[in-house]
Protein backbone atom coordinates (compact mmCIF):
# COMPACT_ATOMS: atom_id res chain seq x y z
CA MET A 1 -0.49 17.85 4.05
CA LYS A 2 1.93 20.03 2.03
CA LEU A 3 4.05 17.63 -0.27
CA ARG A 4 6.98 19.45 -1.93
CA ALA A 5 7.40 18.06 -5.54
CA GLU A 6 9.40 17.91 -8.80
CA MET A 7 8.45 16.74 -12.08
CA LEU A 8 10.18 13.14 -12.76
CA ASN A 9 10.17 10.65 -15.88
CA LYS A 10 10.60 7.58 -14.36
CA LEU A 11 10.00 5.94 -10.73
CA VAL A 12 11.53 2.34 -9.55
CA ILE A 13 8.33 0.82 -7.81
CA ALA A 14 10.45 -1.02 -4.81
CA SER A 15 7.82 -4.01 -4.51
CA SER A 16 7.10 -7.13 -6.44
CA ASN A 17 3.60 -7.41 -5.19
CA ALA A 18 2.12 -7.76 -8.37
CA GLY A 19 -1.31 -6.42 -6.83
CA LYS A 20 0.42 -3.13 -5.38
CA LEU A 21 2.04 -2.60 -8.57
CA ARG A 22 -0.79 -2.71 -10.77
CA GLU A 23 -2.94 0.03 -8.75
CA ILE A 24 -0.30 2.26 -8.66
CA ARG A 25 0.62 1.82 -12.25
CA GLN A 26 -3.34 3.08 -12.82
CA ILE A 27 -3.26 5.25 -10.90
CA LEU A 28 -0.20 7.55 -11.93
CA ALA A 29 -0.80 6.61 -16.17
CA PRO A 30 -2.63 9.77 -16.81
CA LEU A 31 1.11 11.81 -15.47
CA ASP A 32 2.79 9.49 -18.33
CA ILE A 33 4.98 8.66 -15.28
CA GLU A 34 6.81 5.64 -16.25
CA THR A 35 6.95 3.14 -14.09
CA VAL A 36 8.98 -0.21 -13.14
CA PRO A 37 9.07 -2.79 -10.67
CA GLN A 38 12.77 -3.14 -8.63
CA THR A 39 12.22 -6.62 -9.67
CA ALA A 40 13.34 -5.31 -13.05
CA PHE A 41 16.89 -3.85 -11.93
CA GLY A 42 17.60 -7.21 -10.04
CA VAL A 43 17.08 -5.57 -6.81
CA PRO A 44 15.75 -7.44 -3.46
CA GLU A 45 13.07 -6.77 -1.20
CA ALA A 46 14.53 -4.44 1.75
CA GLU A 47 14.64 -5.39 5.36
CA GLU A 48 11.31 -4.14 6.90
CA PRO A 49 12.48 -4.08 10.23
CA TYR A 50 10.37 -1.04 12.02
CA ASP A 51 7.55 -1.13 13.54
CA THR A 52 5.54 2.12 11.64
CA PHE A 53 4.69 2.43 7.88
CA ILE A 54 6.89 5.60 7.52
CA GLU A 55 9.70 4.50 8.51
CA ASN A 56 9.38 1.34 6.20
CA ALA A 57 8.28 2.65 3.53
CA LEU A 58 11.32 5.26 3.71
CA THR A 59 13.75 2.47 3.90
CA LYS A 60 11.91 0.20 0.75
CA ALA A 61 12.66 3.82 -1.28
CA ARG A 62 16.44 4.33 -0.07
CA HIS A 63 17.23 0.90 -0.54
CA VAL A 64 16.18 0.62 -3.67
CA ALA A 65 16.95 4.44 -5.03
CA ALA A 66 20.76 3.26 -4.00
CA LEU A 67 21.30 0.31 -5.45
CA THR A 68 19.52 1.41 -9.10
CA GLY A 69 20.37 4.80 -8.80
CA LEU A 70 17.12 6.31 -10.34
CA PRO A 71 14.36 7.57 -8.11
CA ALA A 72 11.95 5.53 -6.00
CA LEU A 73 8.60 4.75 -4.83
CA ALA A 74 7.88 3.15 -1.96
CA ASP A 75 4.57 2.05 -0.39
CA ASP A 76 3.83 0.50 2.86
CA SER A 77 1.03 -0.31 3.85
CA GLY A 78 -1.46 -2.57 6.04
CA LEU A 79 -4.96 -3.66 7.59
CA CYS A 80 -5.22 -2.83 10.99
CA VAL A 81 -8.64 -3.89 13.73
CA ASP A 82 -9.16 -2.77 16.49
CA ALA A 83 -10.19 -5.74 18.47
CA LEU A 84 -6.39 -6.71 17.46
CA ALA A 85 -5.09 -3.58 19.45
CA GLY A 86 -4.35 -2.48 15.30
CA ALA A 87 -2.50 -5.77 14.57
CA PRO A 88 -1.82 -7.33 11.49
CA GLY A 89 -0.60 -3.30 11.07
CA VAL A 90 2.92 -3.57 9.35
CA HIS A 91 2.77 -6.89 9.77
CA SER A 92 0.08 -7.12 6.97
CA ALA A 93 1.38 -9.42 4.43
CA ARG A 94 3.98 -12.00 7.04
CA PHE A 95 0.79 -12.17 9.27
CA ALA A 96 0.85 -16.01 9.28
CA GLY A 97 4.50 -16.67 8.10
CA ASP A 98 7.20 -15.23 6.22
CA THR A 99 6.16 -16.76 3.21
CA ARG A 100 3.24 -14.56 1.70
CA SER A 101 -0.31 -16.21 1.37
CA ASP A 102 -3.34 -13.52 0.52
CA GLU A 103 -5.07 -17.06 1.68
CA ARG A 104 -3.52 -18.03 5.46
CA ASN A 105 -3.63 -14.48 6.50
CA ASN A 106 -6.74 -13.89 5.68
CA GLU A 107 -7.16 -17.39 7.51
CA LYS A 108 -5.47 -16.48 9.91
CA LEU A 109 -7.19 -13.24 10.43
CA LEU A 110 -10.69 -14.91 11.30
CA GLU A 111 -8.35 -17.32 13.60
CA VAL A 112 -7.44 -14.52 15.85
CA TRP A 113 -9.70 -12.53 15.44
CA GLY A 114 -12.73 -15.21 15.89
CA VAL A 115 -16.12 -13.63 17.10
CA GLU A 116 -14.89 -10.34 18.14
CA GLN A 117 -18.32 -8.24 18.40
CA ASN A 118 -16.17 -4.66 17.24
CA ARG A 119 -16.00 -5.26 13.56
CA ARG A 120 -14.00 -1.82 12.66
CA ALA A 121 -11.03 -1.97 10.91
CA HIS A 122 -8.96 0.38 8.15
CA TYR A 123 -6.32 -0.41 5.58
CA TYR A 124 -3.36 2.88 5.90
CA CYS A 125 -1.13 3.58 3.45
CA VAL A 126 1.89 5.35 3.38
CA ILE A 127 3.29 6.35 0.40
CA VAL A 128 7.60 7.91 0.01
CA VAL A 129 9.10 8.87 -3.68
CA MET A 130 13.21 9.82 -3.06
CA ARG A 131 14.49 11.43 -5.89
CA HIS A 132 17.79 9.61 -4.55
CA ALA A 133 18.89 7.85 -1.64
CA ARG A 134 19.58 10.94 0.16
CA ASP A 135 17.33 12.21 -0.48
CA PRO A 136 17.04 15.33 2.59
CA GLU A 137 12.85 15.91 1.01
CA PRO A 138 11.35 12.84 1.01
CA LEU A 139 7.74 13.19 -0.13
CA ILE A 140 5.11 11.40 1.78
CA ALA A 141 1.33 11.04 1.58
CA GLN A 142 -0.96 9.26 2.82
CA GLY A 143 -4.32 7.63 3.01
CA VAL A 144 -7.12 5.94 4.75
CA TRP A 145 -9.84 3.50 4.77
CA GLN A 146 -12.48 2.76 7.10
CA GLY A 147 -14.24 -0.77 7.24
CA GLU A 148 -15.67 -3.83 8.78
CA ILE A 149 -14.06 -7.11 9.05
CA LEU A 150 -16.51 -9.64 7.64
CA PHE A 151 -17.16 -13.20 9.31
CA ALA A 152 -15.82 -14.89 5.94
CA PRO A 153 -14.71 -13.56 1.89
CA ARG A 154 -16.50 -12.14 -0.50
CA GLY A 155 -16.05 -11.42 -3.62
CA ALA A 156 -13.15 -12.39 -6.71
CA CYS A 157 -10.76 -9.25 -6.99
CA GLY A 158 -8.28 -7.37 -5.59
CA PHE A 159 -5.54 -9.06 -2.85
CA GLY A 160 -4.58 -9.00 0.45
CA TYR A 161 -7.65 -8.79 3.14
CA ASP A 162 -9.77 -7.20 0.02
CA PRO A 163 -12.17 -10.26 0.40
CA LEU A 164 -12.25 -9.68 3.81
CA PHE A 165 -12.37 -5.75 4.38
CA LEU A 166 -16.01 -4.04 4.17
CA ASP A 167 -16.39 -0.68 2.59
CA THR A 168 -19.40 0.13 4.66
CA ALA A 169 -20.27 3.32 2.52
CA SER A 170 -20.59 0.65 -0.52
CA GLY A 171 -22.09 -2.29 1.01
CA LYS A 172 -18.84 -4.34 -1.13
CA THR A 173 -15.94 -5.32 0.15
CA GLY A 174 -12.28 -4.17 -1.20
CA ALA A 175 -12.51 -7.92 -3.90
CA GLU A 176 -15.76 -7.13 -4.94
CA LEU A 177 -15.14 -3.08 -5.61
CA GLU A 178 -14.77 -2.82 -9.38
CA PRO A 179 -10.40 -1.63 -9.73
CA ALA A 180 -11.68 2.01 -10.72
CA ARG A 181 -13.51 2.09 -8.06
CA LYS A 182 -11.68 1.17 -5.46
CA ASN A 183 -8.55 3.44 -6.78
CA LEU A 184 -10.33 6.18 -5.66
CA ILE A 185 -11.71 5.47 -2.09
CA SER A 186 -8.94 3.40 -1.02
CA HIS A 187 -5.95 3.48 1.53
CA ARG A 188 -3.75 3.44 -1.50
CA GLY A 189 -5.25 5.43 -4.12
CA LYS A 190 -6.23 7.89 -1.41
CA ALA A 191 -2.71 8.49 -1.01
CA LEU A 192 -1.46 7.96 -4.34
CA ALA A 193 -4.51 10.92 -5.73
CA LEU A 194 -1.96 13.44 -2.99
CA LEU A 195 0.78 12.28 -4.17
CA SER A 196 -0.40 12.24 -8.40
CA GLU A 197 -1.84 16.11 -7.64
CA ALA A 198 2.41 17.58 -5.85
CA LEU A 199 3.54 16.16 -8.73
CA ARG A 200 0.82 17.55 -11.32
CA GLN A 201 1.32 20.99 -10.24
CA SER A 202 4.95 20.65 -10.08
CA ARG A 203 4.92 20.52 -13.62
């Protein structure tokens, strides 16, 4: 994917999810770009009314850029389970209800998935950077992490569905992987690597 980029010194992250913020900051750290969460500006979360990750990411980035007057980075990502026709998908964060809870989301996933023999699933992530709210050429990068769903959670690291998501190449769940390793192979890591390269080439 060809990305047009220019050097940015500061980005407001359109998220209040501590796990996402941590991973984004870790991966973008070598670029020396200051990253600030939207909560630092008192920006409320944007509505995510769309059925696609890209539309929701664009909406979140535009929302933050408009309210802060600064370049914004938005991530929209989720778990897509083959046996559930791609669910929970864009509803991953609130799969078990509007009050976000990783534990309850994982419990619901196991409940609705049942004993389905098709264990295939993937994480999907799209990252959007908008230099201003009317940016006609936002930077867009995507990443996919293929894996399988386990019957019971494993591991104490990560967040979201990581305890149930098995990276078949390593035999470890997302919650068992060291953060540095996860950032290399995860959906978010791959998307941010593309974004980082585009920004690096602009120097």
